[in-house]
Amino acid sequence: MHQIWAAGVQVAGLKHFDDMQQRIPRAEVEQVHSLVCGVVKEVVGMEGLPDADRLHCRVTGSYIRGKPMTGAACLKHM
């Protein structure tokens, strides 16, 4: 029998493969967006970085194309 080596992220991907194949409803993506962007803005604000008030957080991917279900909650911070 041959032994196969896999990196930690590969093992995690295999472990959660079935979960990652499921689609995410728009409403859930909106909840993730609200939570993640709120935390990012809070952390950036606490760091006192210049222009922290100009931080924008946007959902991308199939969500912005109006799909009812998406494969991932893709967020972009600018």
C-alpha atoms as a PDB file:
ATOM      1  CA  MET A   1       0.000   0.000   0.000  1.00  0.00           C
ATOM      2  CA  HIS A   2       1.277   3.466  -0.885  1.00  0.00           C
ATOM      3  CA  GLN A   3       1.082   6.304   1.576  1.00  0.00           C
ATOM      4  CA  ILE A   4      -0.035   9.667   0.231  1.00  0.00           C
ATOM      5  CA  TRP A   5       1.138  12.928   1.802  1.00  0.00           C
ATOM      6  CA  ALA A   6      -1.184  15.940   1.842  1.00  0.00           C
ATOM      7  CA  ALA A   7      -0.738  19.466   3.172  1.00  0.00           C
ATOM      8  CA  GLY A   8      -2.967  20.686   6.007  1.00  0.00           C
ATOM      9  CA  VAL A   9      -5.205  22.723   3.709  1.00  0.00           C
ATOM     10  CA  GLN A  10      -5.634  19.727   1.421  1.00  0.00           C
ATOM     11  CA  VAL A  11      -6.651  17.546   4.354  1.00  0.00           C
ATOM     12  CA  ALA A  12      -9.143  20.209   5.462  1.00  0.00           C
ATOM     13  CA  GLY A  13     -10.503  20.395   1.911  1.00  0.00           C
ATOM     14  CA  LEU A  14     -11.025  16.638   1.793  1.00  0.00           C
ATOM     15  CA  LYS A  15     -12.564  16.581   5.255  1.00  0.00           C
ATOM     16  CA  HIS A  16     -15.096  19.283   4.358  1.00  0.00           C
ATOM     17  CA  PHE A  17     -15.527  18.426   0.663  1.00  0.00           C
ATOM     18  CA  ASP A  18     -19.252  17.596   0.909  1.00  0.00           C
ATOM     19  CA  ASP A  19     -19.988  20.810   2.825  1.00  0.00           C
ATOM     20  CA  MET A  20     -18.137  22.895   0.248  1.00  0.00           C
ATOM     21  CA  GLN A  21     -20.238  21.431  -2.573  1.00  0.00           C
ATOM     22  CA  GLN A  22     -23.423  22.917  -1.125  1.00  0.00           C
ATOM     23  CA  ARG A  23     -24.735  26.224  -2.453  1.00  0.00           C
ATOM     24  CA  ILE A  24     -25.288  29.247  -0.192  1.00  0.00           C
ATOM     25  CA  PRO A  25     -28.545  31.274  -0.331  1.00  0.00           C
ATOM     26  CA  ARG A  26     -28.291  35.037  -0.995  1.00  0.00           C
ATOM     27  CA  ALA A  27     -29.669  35.833   2.468  1.00  0.00           C
ATOM     28  CA  GLU A  28     -26.842  33.876   4.104  1.00  0.00           C
ATOM     29  CA  VAL A  29     -24.227  35.651   1.955  1.00  0.00           C
ATOM     30  CA  GLU A  30     -25.714  38.970   3.110  1.00  0.00           C
ATOM     31  CA  GLN A  31     -25.374  37.851   6.749  1.00  0.00           C
ATOM     32  CA  VAL A  32     -21.724  36.850   6.206  1.00  0.00           C
ATOM     33  CA  HIS A  33     -21.085  40.189   4.488  1.00  0.00           C
ATOM     34  CA  SER A  34     -22.567  42.143   7.358  1.00  0.00           C
ATOM     35  CA  LEU A  35     -20.676  40.200  10.022  1.00  0.00           C
ATOM     36  CA  VAL A  36     -17.254  40.099   8.325  1.00  0.00           C
ATOM     37  CA  CYS A  37     -17.306  43.692   7.117  1.00  0.00           C
ATOM     38  CA  GLY A  38     -18.427  44.922  10.527  1.00  0.00           C
ATOM     39  CA  VAL A  39     -15.535  43.140  12.221  1.00  0.00           C
ATOM     40  CA  VAL A  40     -13.014  44.367   9.611  1.00  0.00           C
ATOM     41  CA  LYS A  41     -14.141  47.970  10.029  1.00  0.00           C
ATOM     42  CA  GLU A  42     -14.019  47.622  13.816  1.00  0.00           C
ATOM     43  CA  VAL A  43     -10.494  46.186  13.773  1.00  0.00           C
ATOM     44  CA  VAL A  44      -9.208  48.746  11.284  1.00  0.00           C
ATOM     45  CA  GLY A  45     -10.794  51.513  13.322  1.00  0.00           C
ATOM     46  CA  MET A  46      -9.150  50.245  16.507  1.00  0.00           C
ATOM     47  CA  GLU A  47      -5.778  50.264  14.775  1.00  0.00           C
ATOM     48  CA  GLY A  48      -6.216  53.984  14.096  1.00  0.00           C
ATOM     49  CA  LEU A  49      -5.132  53.628  10.500  1.00  0.00           C
ATOM     50  CA  PRO A  50      -5.398  56.697   8.298  1.00  0.00           C
ATOM     51  CA  ASP A  51      -8.416  56.688   5.998  1.00  0.00           C
ATOM     52  CA  ALA A  52     -10.067  53.843   7.951  1.00  0.00           C
ATOM     53  CA  ASP A  53     -13.419  55.537   7.337  1.00  0.00           C
ATOM     54  CA  ARG A  54     -12.876  55.061   3.590  1.00  0.00           C
ATOM     55  CA  LEU A  55     -12.777  51.258   3.862  1.00  0.00           C
ATOM     56  CA  HIS A  56     -15.340  49.543   1.647  1.00  0.00           C
ATOM     57  CA  CYS A  57     -16.415  45.934   1.817  1.00  0.00           C
ATOM     58  CA  ARG A  58     -18.198  44.416  -1.163  1.00  0.00           C
ATOM     59  CA  VAL A  59     -19.678  41.021  -2.039  1.00  0.00           C
ATOM     60  CA  THR A  60     -18.409  39.723  -5.385  1.00  0.00           C
ATOM     61  CA  GLY A  61     -18.821  36.595  -7.490  1.00  0.00           C
ATOM     62  CA  SER A  62     -22.153  35.115  -8.488  1.00  0.00           C
ATOM     63  CA  TYR A  63     -23.904  37.179  -5.803  1.00  0.00           C
ATOM     64  CA  ILE A  64     -23.450  40.405  -7.772  1.00  0.00           C
ATOM     65  CA  ARG A  65     -24.716  38.635 -10.878  1.00  0.00           C
ATOM     66  CA  GLY A  66     -28.051  38.179  -9.062  1.00  0.00           C
ATOM     67  CA  LYS A  67     -27.906  34.417  -8.603  1.00  0.00           C
ATOM     68  CA  PRO A  68     -30.315  33.076  -5.932  1.00  0.00           C
ATOM     69  CA  MET A  69     -27.652  30.631  -4.710  1.00  0.00           C
ATOM     70  CA  THR A  70     -23.878  30.997  -4.767  1.00  0.00           C
ATOM     71  CA  GLY A  71     -20.919  28.687  -4.282  1.00  0.00           C
ATOM     72  CA  ALA A  72     -19.051  30.995  -1.909  1.00  0.00           C
ATOM     73  CA  ALA A  73     -19.357  34.209   0.062  1.00  0.00           C
ATOM     74  CA  CYS A  74     -16.684  36.167  -1.811  1.00  0.00           C
ATOM     75  CA  LEU A  75     -15.824  39.444  -0.117  1.00  0.00           C
ATOM     76  CA  LYS A  76     -13.489  42.182  -1.320  1.00  0.00           C
ATOM     77  CA  HIS A  77     -12.117  44.849   1.015  1.00  0.00           C
ATOM     78  CA  MET A  78     -10.962  48.093  -0.554  1.00  0.00           C
END
